[in-house]
PDB file of N, CA and C in Angstrom:
ATOM      1  N   MET A   1     -51.902  10.051 -58.392  1.00  0.00           N
ATOM      2  CA  MET A   1     -50.597  10.642 -58.310  1.00  0.00           C
ATOM      3  C   MET A   1     -50.431  11.296 -56.931  1.00  0.00           C
ATOM      4  N   GLN A   2     -49.352  10.982 -56.255  1.00  0.00           N
ATOM      5  CA  GLN A   2     -49.103  11.532 -54.932  1.00  0.00           C
ATOM      6  C   GLN A   2     -48.154  12.725 -55.044  1.00  0.00           C
ATOM      7  N   PRO A   3     -48.371  13.713 -54.170  1.00  0.00           N
ATOM      8  CA  PRO A   3     -47.450  14.867 -54.205  1.00  0.00           C
ATOM      9  C   PRO A   3     -46.068  14.453 -53.724  1.00  0.00           C
ATOM     10  N   GLN A   4     -45.079  15.054 -54.324  1.00  0.00           N
ATOM     11  CA  GLN A   4     -43.705  14.751 -53.934  1.00  0.00           C
ATOM     12  C   GLN A   4     -43.381  15.435 -52.614  1.00  0.00           C
ATOM     13  N   LYS A   5     -42.659  14.710 -51.782  1.00  0.00           N
ATOM     14  CA  LYS A   5     -42.239  15.286 -50.505  1.00  0.00           C
ATOM     15  C   LYS A   5     -41.029  16.177 -50.744  1.00  0.00           C
ATOM     16  N   ASP A   6     -40.996  17.235 -49.993  1.00  0.00           N
ATOM     17  CA  ASP A   6     -39.863  18.152 -50.085  1.00  0.00           C
ATOM     18  C   ASP A   6     -38.640  17.485 -49.477  1.00  0.00           C
ATOM     19  N   SER A   7     -37.558  17.467 -50.208  1.00  0.00           N
ATOM     20  CA  SER A   7     -36.364  16.776 -49.734  1.00  0.00           C
ATOM     21  C   SER A   7     -35.541  17.626 -48.756  1.00  0.00           C
ATOM     22  N   SER A   8     -35.930  18.878 -48.590  1.00  0.00           N
ATOM     23  CA  SER A   8     -35.158  19.715 -47.660  1.00  0.00           C
ATOM     24  C   SER A   8     -35.444  19.286 -46.225  1.00  0.00           C
ATOM     25  N   THR A   9     -34.509  19.546 -45.378  1.00  0.00           N
ATOM     26  CA  THR A   9     -34.665  19.159 -43.981  1.00  0.00           C
ATOM     27  C   THR A   9     -35.596  20.135 -43.270  1.00  0.00           C
ATOM     28  N   PRO A  10     -36.306  19.653 -42.287  1.00  0.00           N
ATOM     29  CA  PRO A  10     -37.189  20.569 -41.552  1.00  0.00           C
ATOM     30  C   PRO A  10     -36.372  21.609 -40.789  1.00  0.00           C
ATOM     31  N   PRO A  11     -36.961  22.771 -40.541  1.00  0.00           N
ATOM     32  CA  PRO A  11     -36.202  23.822 -39.843  1.00  0.00           C
ATOM     33  C   PRO A  11     -35.841  23.374 -38.428  1.00  0.00           C
ATOM     34  N   ARG A  12     -34.631  23.691 -38.040  1.00  0.00           N
ATOM     35  CA  ARG A  12     -34.172  23.334 -36.694  1.00  0.00           C
ATOM     36  C   ARG A  12     -34.664  24.354 -35.689  1.00  0.00           C
ATOM     37  N   ARG A  13     -34.962  23.847 -34.531  1.00  0.00           N
ATOM     38  CA  ARG A  13     -35.301  24.759 -33.446  1.00  0.00           C
ATOM     39  C   ARG A  13     -34.021  25.370 -32.900  1.00  0.00           C
ATOM     40  N   GLU A  14     -34.122  26.635 -32.530  1.00  0.00           N
ATOM     41  CA  GLU A  14     -32.960  27.288 -31.953  1.00  0.00           C
ATOM     42  C   GLU A  14     -32.693  26.731 -30.567  1.00  0.00           C
ATOM     43  N   ARG A  15     -31.438  26.546 -30.276  1.00  0.00           N
ATOM     44  CA  ARG A  15     -31.071  26.155 -28.917  1.00  0.00           C
ATOM     45  C   ARG A  15     -30.937  27.419 -28.096  1.00  0.00           C
ATOM     46  N   ARG A  16     -31.596  27.393 -26.976  1.00  0.00           N
ATOM     47  CA  ARG A  16     -31.569  28.570 -26.121  1.00  0.00           C
ATOM     48  C   ARG A  16     -30.756  28.251 -24.879  1.00  0.00           C
ATOM     49  N   GLY A  17     -29.662  28.950 -24.771  1.00  0.00           N
ATOM     50  CA  GLY A  17     -28.765  28.710 -23.653  1.00  0.00           C
ATOM     51  C   GLY A  17     -29.006  29.683 -22.513  1.00  0.00           C
ATOM     52  N   PRO A  18     -28.117  29.681 -21.543  1.00  0.00           N
ATOM     53  CA  PRO A  18     -28.262  30.565 -20.387  1.00  0.00           C
ATOM     54  C   PRO A  18     -28.246  32.052 -20.748  1.00  0.00           C
ATOM     55  N   ALA A  19     -27.487  32.424 -21.765  1.00  0.00           N
ATOM     56  CA  ALA A  19     -27.428  33.833 -22.156  1.00  0.00           C
ATOM     57  C   ALA A  19     -28.782  34.314 -22.663  1.00  0.00           C
ATOM     58  N   TYR A  20     -29.491  33.470 -23.401  1.00  0.00           N
ATOM     59  CA  TYR A  20     -30.811  33.842 -23.899  1.00  0.00           C
ATOM     60  C   TYR A  20     -31.742  34.153 -22.737  1.00  0.00           C
ATOM     61  N   PHE A  21     -31.772  33.274 -21.732  1.00  0.00           N
ATOM     62  CA  PHE A  21     -32.671  33.482 -20.600  1.00  0.00           C
ATOM     63  C   PHE A  21     -32.250  34.680 -19.757  1.00  0.00           C
ATOM     64  N   PHE A  22     -30.945  34.906 -19.637  1.00  0.00           N
ATOM     65  CA  PHE A  22     -30.469  36.077 -18.889  1.00  0.00           C
ATOM     66  C   PHE A  22     -30.971  37.364 -19.538  1.00  0.00           C
ATOM     67  N   PHE A  23     -30.778  37.487 -20.846  1.00  0.00           N
ATOM     68  CA  PHE A  23     -31.202  38.707 -21.528  1.00  0.00           C
ATOM     69  C   PHE A  23     -32.716  38.800 -21.636  1.00  0.00           C
ATOM     70  N   TYR A  24     -33.405  37.676 -21.710  1.00  0.00           N
ATOM     71  CA  TYR A  24     -34.863  37.707 -21.720  1.00  0.00           C
ATOM     72  C   TYR A  24     -35.386  38.314 -20.423  1.00  0.00           C
ATOM     73  N   PHE A  25     -34.864  37.840 -19.300  1.00  0.00           N
ATOM     74  CA  PHE A  25     -35.312  38.385 -18.019  1.00  0.00           C
ATOM     75  C   PHE A  25     -34.816  39.807 -17.795  1.00  0.00           C
ATOM     76  N   LEU A  26     -33.671  40.158 -18.361  1.00  0.00           N
ATOM     77  CA  LEU A  26     -33.146  41.509 -18.232  1.00  0.00           C
ATOM     78  C   LEU A  26     -34.024  42.513 -18.975  1.00  0.00           C
ATOM     79  N   PHE A  27     -34.558  42.124 -20.137  1.00  0.00           N
ATOM     80  CA  PHE A  27     -35.334  43.037 -20.967  1.00  0.00           C
ATOM     81  C   PHE A  27     -36.841  42.947 -20.740  1.00  0.00           C
ATOM     82  N   THR A  28     -37.292  42.165 -19.776  1.00  0.00           N
ATOM     83  CA  THR A  28     -38.719  42.058 -19.489  1.00  0.00           C
ATOM     84  C   THR A  28     -39.100  43.056 -18.401  1.00  0.00           C
ATOM     85  N   PRO A  29     -40.098  43.910 -18.647  1.00  0.00           N
ATOM     86  CA  PRO A  29     -40.495  44.873 -17.616  1.00  0.00           C
ATOM     87  C   PRO A  29     -40.984  44.218 -16.326  1.00  0.00           C
ATOM     88  N   ASP A  30     -41.589  43.046 -16.434  1.00  0.00           N
ATOM     89  CA  ASP A  30     -42.102  42.397 -15.226  1.00  0.00           C
ATOM     90  C   ASP A  30     -40.989  42.026 -14.254  1.00  0.00           C
ATOM     91  N   THR A  31     -39.807  41.728 -14.747  1.00  0.00           N
ATOM     92  CA  THR A  31     -38.682  41.435 -13.856  1.00  0.00           C
ATOM     93  C   THR A  31     -38.385  42.633 -12.970  1.00  0.00           C
ATOM     94  N   TRP A  32     -38.354  43.807 -13.567  1.00  0.00           N
ATOM     95  CA  TRP A  32     -38.037  45.013 -12.810  1.00  0.00           C
ATOM     96  C   TRP A  32     -39.187  45.398 -11.897  1.00  0.00           C
ATOM     97  N   ARG A  33     -40.414  45.127 -12.314  1.00  0.00           N
ATOM     98  CA  ARG A  33     -41.567  45.428 -11.472  1.00  0.00           C
ATOM     99  C   ARG A  33     -41.562  44.551 -10.223  1.00  0.00           C
ATOM    100  N   ILE A  34     -41.306  43.266 -10.393  1.00  0.00           N
ATOM    101  CA  ILE A  34     -41.271  42.351  -9.253  1.00  0.00           C
ATOM    102  C   ILE A  34     -40.090  42.683  -8.339  1.00  0.00           C
ATOM    103  N   LEU A  35     -38.950  42.986  -8.937  1.00  0.00           N
ATOM    104  CA  LEU A  35     -37.772  43.330  -8.147  1.00  0.00           C
ATOM    105  C   LEU A  35     -38.017  44.595  -7.318  1.00  0.00           C
ATOM    106  N   THR A  36     -38.622  45.607  -7.920  1.00  0.00           N
ATOM    107  CA  THR A  36     -38.917  46.840  -7.202  1.00  0.00           C
ATOM    108  C   THR A  36     -39.909  46.598  -6.071  1.00  0.00           C
ATOM    109  N   GLY A  37     -40.946  45.827  -6.337  1.00  0.00           N
ATOM    110  CA  GLY A  37     -41.923  45.518  -5.294  1.00  0.00           C
ATOM    111  C   GLY A  37     -41.318  44.724  -4.150  1.00  0.00           C
ATOM    112  N   THR A  38     -40.438  43.783  -4.468  1.00  0.00           N
ATOM    113  CA  THR A  38     -39.802  42.973  -3.426  1.00  0.00           C
ATOM    114  C   THR A  38     -38.860  43.809  -2.568  1.00  0.00           C
ATOM    115  N   ILE A  39     -38.088  44.676  -3.190  1.00  0.00           N
ATOM    116  CA  ILE A  39     -37.192  45.546  -2.430  1.00  0.00           C
ATOM    117  C   ILE A  39     -37.999  46.477  -1.535  1.00  0.00           C
ATOM    118  N   ALA A  40     -39.083  47.034  -2.085  1.00  0.00           N
ATOM    119  CA  ALA A  40     -39.939  47.905  -1.269  1.00  0.00           C
ATOM    120  C   ALA A  40     -40.538  47.136  -0.093  1.00  0.00           C
ATOM    121  N   ALA A  41     -40.912  45.893  -0.311  1.00  0.00           N
ATOM    122  CA  ALA A  41     -41.492  45.092   0.771  1.00  0.00           C
ATOM    123  C   ALA A  41     -40.457  44.800   1.852  1.00  0.00           C
ATOM    124  N   PHE A  42     -39.221  44.499   1.461  1.00  0.00           N
ATOM    125  CA  PHE A  42     -38.178  44.258   2.457  1.00  0.00           C
ATOM    126  C   PHE A  42     -37.911  45.503   3.302  1.00  0.00           C
ATOM    127  N   ILE A  43     -38.011  46.664   2.682  1.00  0.00           N
ATOM    128  CA  ILE A  43     -37.743  47.909   3.400  1.00  0.00           C
ATOM    129  C   ILE A  43     -38.945  48.331   4.248  1.00  0.00           C
ATOM    130  N   LEU A  44     -40.152  48.237   3.687  1.00  0.00           N
ATOM    131  CA  LEU A  44     -41.327  48.795   4.363  1.00  0.00           C
ATOM    132  C   LEU A  44     -41.996  47.870   5.370  1.00  0.00           C
ATOM    133  N   THR A  45     -41.926  46.574   5.190  1.00  0.00           N
ATOM    134  CA  THR A  45     -42.642  45.668   6.094  1.00  0.00           C
ATOM    135  C   THR A  45     -42.211  45.819   7.551  1.00  0.00           C
ATOM    136  N   PRO A  46     -40.927  45.861   7.872  1.00  0.00           N
ATOM    137  CA  PRO A  46     -40.572  46.030   9.288  1.00  0.00           C
ATOM    138  C   PRO A  46     -40.987  47.391   9.855  1.00  0.00           C
ATOM    139  N   ARG A  47     -41.066  48.389   9.004  1.00  0.00           N
ATOM    140  CA  ARG A  47     -41.453  49.720   9.481  1.00  0.00           C
ATOM    141  C   ARG A  47     -42.955  49.837   9.685  1.00  0.00           C
ATOM    142  N   LEU A  48     -43.738  49.132   8.864  1.00  0.00           N
ATOM    143  CA  LEU A  48     -45.191  49.237   8.966  1.00  0.00           C
ATOM    144  C   LEU A  48     -45.784  48.302  10.008  1.00  0.00           C
ATOM    145  N   LEU A  49     -45.148  47.173  10.242  1.00  0.00           N
ATOM    146  CA  LEU A  49     -45.682  46.197  11.188  1.00  0.00           C
ATOM    147  C   LEU A  49     -44.581  45.822  12.170  1.00  0.00           C
ATOM    148  N   PRO A  50     -44.789  46.107  13.451  1.00  0.00           N
ATOM    149  CA  PRO A  50     -43.746  45.804  14.436  1.00  0.00           C
ATOM    150  C   PRO A  50     -43.447  44.306  14.502  1.00  0.00           C
ATOM    151  N   VAL A  51     -42.295  43.976  15.061  1.00  0.00           N
ATOM    152  CA  VAL A  51     -41.835  42.599  15.136  1.00  0.00           C
ATOM    153  C   VAL A  51     -42.712  41.761  16.056  1.00  0.00           C
ATOM    154  N   ASP A  52     -43.358  42.376  17.028  1.00  0.00           N
ATOM    155  CA  ASP A  52     -44.143  41.608  17.994  1.00  0.00           C
ATOM    156  C   ASP A  52     -45.454  41.071  17.425  1.00  0.00           C
ATOM    157  N   ARG A  53     -45.768  41.351  16.197  1.00  0.00           N
ATOM    158  CA  ARG A  53     -46.992  40.835  15.570  1.00  0.00           C
ATOM    159  C   ARG A  53     -46.797  39.407  15.101  1.00  0.00           C
ATOM    160  N   THR A  54     -47.892  38.776  14.714  1.00  0.00           N
ATOM    161  CA  THR A  54     -47.818  37.385  14.265  1.00  0.00           C
ATOM    162  C   THR A  54     -47.097  37.280  12.932  1.00  0.00           C
ATOM    163  N   GLY A  55     -46.546  36.125  12.670  1.00  0.00           N
ATOM    164  CA  GLY A  55     -45.828  35.897  11.426  1.00  0.00           C
ATOM    165  C   GLY A  55     -46.732  35.950  10.211  1.00  0.00           C
ATOM    166  N   MET A  56     -47.963  35.454  10.341  1.00  0.00           N
ATOM    167  CA  MET A  56     -48.887  35.444   9.200  1.00  0.00           C
ATOM    168  C   MET A  56     -49.216  36.860   8.746  1.00  0.00           C
ATOM    169  N   GLY A  57     -49.407  37.759   9.681  1.00  0.00           N
ATOM    170  CA  GLY A  57     -49.686  39.149   9.324  1.00  0.00           C
ATOM    171  C   GLY A  57     -48.533  39.784   8.574  1.00  0.00           C
ATOM    172  N   ARG A  58     -47.325  39.449   8.976  1.00  0.00           N
ATOM    173  CA  ARG A  58     -46.149  39.988   8.295  1.00  0.00           C
ATOM    174  C   ARG A  58     -46.047  39.448   6.872  1.00  0.00           C
ATOM    175  N   TYR A  59     -46.359  38.165   6.686  1.00  0.00           N
ATOM    176  CA  TYR A  59     -46.328  37.582   5.338  1.00  0.00           C
ATOM    177  C   TYR A  59     -47.374  38.222   4.433  1.00  0.00           C
ATOM    178  N   VAL A  60     -48.564  38.418   4.975  1.00  0.00           N
ATOM    179  CA  VAL A  60     -49.635  39.035   4.182  1.00  0.00           C
ATOM    180  C   VAL A  60     -49.261  40.455   3.806  1.00  0.00           C
ATOM    181  N   LEU A  61     -48.708  41.216   4.745  1.00  0.00           N
ATOM    182  CA  LEU A  61     -48.294  42.578   4.453  1.00  0.00           C
ATOM    183  C   LEU A  61     -47.165  42.597   3.420  1.00  0.00           C
ATOM    184  N   PHE A  62     -46.227  41.668   3.537  1.00  0.00           N
ATOM    185  CA  PHE A  62     -45.118  41.583   2.587  1.00  0.00           C
ATOM    186  C   PHE A  62     -45.642  41.347   1.172  1.00  0.00           C
ATOM    187  N   ILE A  63     -46.517  40.361   1.018  1.00  0.00           N
ATOM    188  CA  ILE A  63     -47.084  40.057  -0.304  1.00  0.00           C
ATOM    189  C   ILE A  63     -47.896  41.238  -0.823  1.00  0.00           C
ATOM    190  N   MET A  64     -48.630  41.897   0.052  1.00  0.00           N
ATOM    191  CA  MET A  64     -49.432  43.046  -0.354  1.00  0.00           C
ATOM    192  C   MET A  64     -48.536  44.172  -0.885  1.00  0.00           C
ATOM    193  N   ILE A  65     -47.425  44.428  -0.218  1.00  0.00           N
ATOM    194  CA  ILE A  65     -46.519  45.482  -0.670  1.00  0.00           C
ATOM    195  C   ILE A  65     -45.861  45.105  -1.995  1.00  0.00           C
ATOM    196  N   VAL A  66     -45.516  43.834  -2.174  1.00  0.00           N
ATOM    197  CA  VAL A  66     -44.947  43.393  -3.456  1.00  0.00           C
ATOM    198  C   VAL A  66     -45.949  43.628  -4.583  1.00  0.00           C
ATOM    199  N   VAL A  67     -47.202  43.288  -4.353  1.00  0.00           N
ATOM    200  CA  VAL A  67     -48.229  43.455  -5.395  1.00  0.00           C
ATOM    201  C   VAL A  67     -48.481  44.924  -5.693  1.00  0.00           C
ATOM    202  N   VAL A  68     -48.558  45.747  -4.668  1.00  0.00           N
ATOM    203  CA  VAL A  68     -48.761  47.182  -4.886  1.00  0.00           C
ATOM    204  C   VAL A  68     -47.544  47.779  -5.597  1.00  0.00           C
ATOM    205  N   GLY A  69     -46.354  47.381  -5.210  1.00  0.00           N
ATOM    206  CA  GLY A  69     -45.153  47.858  -5.894  1.00  0.00           C
ATOM    207  C   GLY A  69     -45.125  47.431  -7.346  1.00  0.00           C
ATOM    208  N   TRP A  70     -45.569  46.194  -7.626  1.00  0.00           N
ATOM    209  CA  TRP A  70     -45.635  45.712  -9.008  1.00  0.00           C
ATOM    210  C   TRP A  70     -46.625  46.550  -9.813  1.00  0.00           C
ATOM    211  N   ALA A  71     -47.768  46.869  -9.216  1.00  0.00           N
ATOM    212  CA  ALA A  71     -48.799  47.617  -9.933  1.00  0.00           C
ATOM    213  C   ALA A  71     -48.376  49.064 -10.204  1.00  0.00           C
ATOM    214  N   ILE A  72     -47.680  49.659  -9.276  1.00  0.00           N
ATOM    215  CA  ILE A  72     -47.301  51.066  -9.408  1.00  0.00           C
ATOM    216  C   ILE A  72     -46.176  51.268 -10.422  1.00  0.00           C
ATOM    217  N   THR A  73     -45.281  50.321 -10.546  1.00  0.00           N
ATOM    218  CA  THR A  73     -44.068  50.536 -11.347  1.00  0.00           C
ATOM    219  C   THR A  73     -44.185  50.067 -12.789  1.00  0.00           C
ATOM    220  N   GLY A  74     -45.388  49.981 -13.327  1.00  0.00           N
ATOM    221  CA  GLY A  74     -45.558  49.531 -14.710  1.00  0.00           C
ATOM    222  C   GLY A  74     -44.917  50.457 -15.721  1.00  0.00           C
ATOM    223  N   VAL A  75     -45.250  51.733 -15.678  1.00  0.00           N
ATOM    224  CA  VAL A  75     -44.723  52.694 -16.654  1.00  0.00           C
ATOM    225  C   VAL A  75     -43.217  52.904 -16.485  1.00  0.00           C
ATOM    226  N   PRO A  76     -42.708  53.095 -15.247  1.00  0.00           N
ATOM    227  CA  PRO A  76     -41.253  53.242 -15.136  1.00  0.00           C
ATOM    228  C   PRO A  76     -40.471  52.002 -15.586  1.00  0.00           C
ATOM    229  N   ALA A  77     -41.012  50.820 -15.360  1.00  0.00           N
ATOM    230  CA  ALA A  77     -40.311  49.598 -15.783  1.00  0.00           C
ATOM    231  C   ALA A  77     -40.270  49.495 -17.302  1.00  0.00           C
ATOM    232  N   ARG A  78     -41.360  49.851 -17.974  1.00  0.00           N
ATOM    233  CA  ARG A  78     -41.354  49.832 -19.440  1.00  0.00           C
ATOM    234  C   ARG A  78     -40.367  50.858 -19.993  1.00  0.00           C
ATOM    235  N   TRP A  79     -40.340  52.037 -19.381  1.00  0.00           N
ATOM    236  CA  TRP A  79     -39.398  53.068 -19.807  1.00  0.00           C
ATOM    237  C   TRP A  79     -37.966  52.585 -19.630  1.00  0.00           C
ATOM    238  N   PHE A  80     -37.663  51.979 -18.481  1.00  0.00           N
ATOM    239  CA  PHE A  80     -36.313  51.495 -18.191  1.00  0.00           C
ATOM    240  C   PHE A  80     -35.892  50.396 -19.154  1.00  0.00           C
ATOM    241  N   THR A  81     -36.777  49.444 -19.436  1.00  0.00           N
ATOM    242  CA  THR A  81     -36.402  48.350 -20.335  1.00  0.00           C
ATOM    243  C   THR A  81     -36.235  48.837 -21.774  1.00  0.00           C
ATOM    244  N   GLN A  82     -37.022  49.830 -22.184  1.00  0.00           N
ATOM    245  CA  GLN A  82     -36.825  50.387 -23.522  1.00  0.00           C
ATOM    246  C   GLN A  82     -35.463  51.060 -23.640  1.00  0.00           C
ATOM    247  N   ARG A  83     -35.074  51.803 -22.620  1.00  0.00           N
ATOM    248  CA  ARG A  83     -33.750  52.443 -22.628  1.00  0.00           C
ATOM    249  C   ARG A  83     -32.642  51.388 -22.616  1.00  0.00           C
ATOM    250  N   LEU A  84     -32.843  50.334 -21.848  1.00  0.00           N
ATOM    251  CA  LEU A  84     -31.853  49.259 -21.777  1.00  0.00           C
ATOM    252  C   LEU A  84     -31.724  48.547 -23.121  1.00  0.00           C
ATOM    253  N   GLN A  85     -32.852  48.305 -23.798  1.00  0.00           N
ATOM    254  CA  GLN A  85     -32.808  47.672 -25.119  1.00  0.00           C
ATOM    255  C   GLN A  85     -32.115  48.572 -26.131  1.00  0.00           C
ATOM    256  N   ASN A  86     -32.402  49.871 -26.078  1.00  0.00           N
ATOM    257  CA  ASN A  86     -31.744  50.799 -26.993  1.00  0.00           C
ATOM    258  C   ASN A  86     -30.243  50.855 -26.737  1.00  0.00           C
ATOM    259  N   LEU A  87     -29.845  50.737 -25.496  1.00  0.00           N
ATOM    260  CA  LEU A  87     -28.424  50.746 -25.167  1.00  0.00           C
ATOM    261  C   LEU A  87     -27.725  49.526 -25.776  1.00  0.00           C
ATOM    262  N   PHE A  88     -28.373  48.367 -25.719  1.00  0.00           N
ATOM    263  CA  PHE A  88     -27.747  47.157 -26.273  1.00  0.00           C
ATOM    264  C   PHE A  88     -27.847  47.118 -27.797  1.00  0.00           C
ATOM    265  N   LYS A  89     -28.873  47.741 -28.377  1.00  0.00           N
ATOM    266  CA  LYS A  89     -28.988  47.766 -29.839  1.00  0.00           C
ATOM    267  C   LYS A  89     -27.924  48.647 -30.454  1.00  0.00           C
ATOM    268  N   SER A  90     -27.616  49.760 -29.792  1.00  0.00           N
ATOM    269  CA  SER A  90     -26.638  50.691 -30.362  1.00  0.00           C
ATOM    270  C   SER A  90     -25.210  50.183 -30.198  1.00  0.00           C
ATOM    271  N   SER A  91     -24.992  49.222 -29.335  1.00  0.00           N
ATOM    272  CA  SER A  91     -23.625  48.695 -29.113  1.00  0.00           C
ATOM    273  C   SER A  91     -23.183  47.804 -30.245  1.00  0.00           C
TER     274      SER A  91
END
């Protein structure tokens, strides 16, 4: 005797549109951490390394500042995204 197959249809996968990805990136702390590090790098790199230096040194310094900014802003980014989520939940 064979088991009967369930006649119900299999569950459909949700379609994820542009709004889903927008809010996903908006509510992810890593987005804000990377954004903060990148802004800090744009501001600090020209001040820390003069223009007359080699391009490779400037790129390395830029990436270094982005990484340090990402590492430092972990707690503030989590706090900010929690407040942002609470703001959208209460609406």
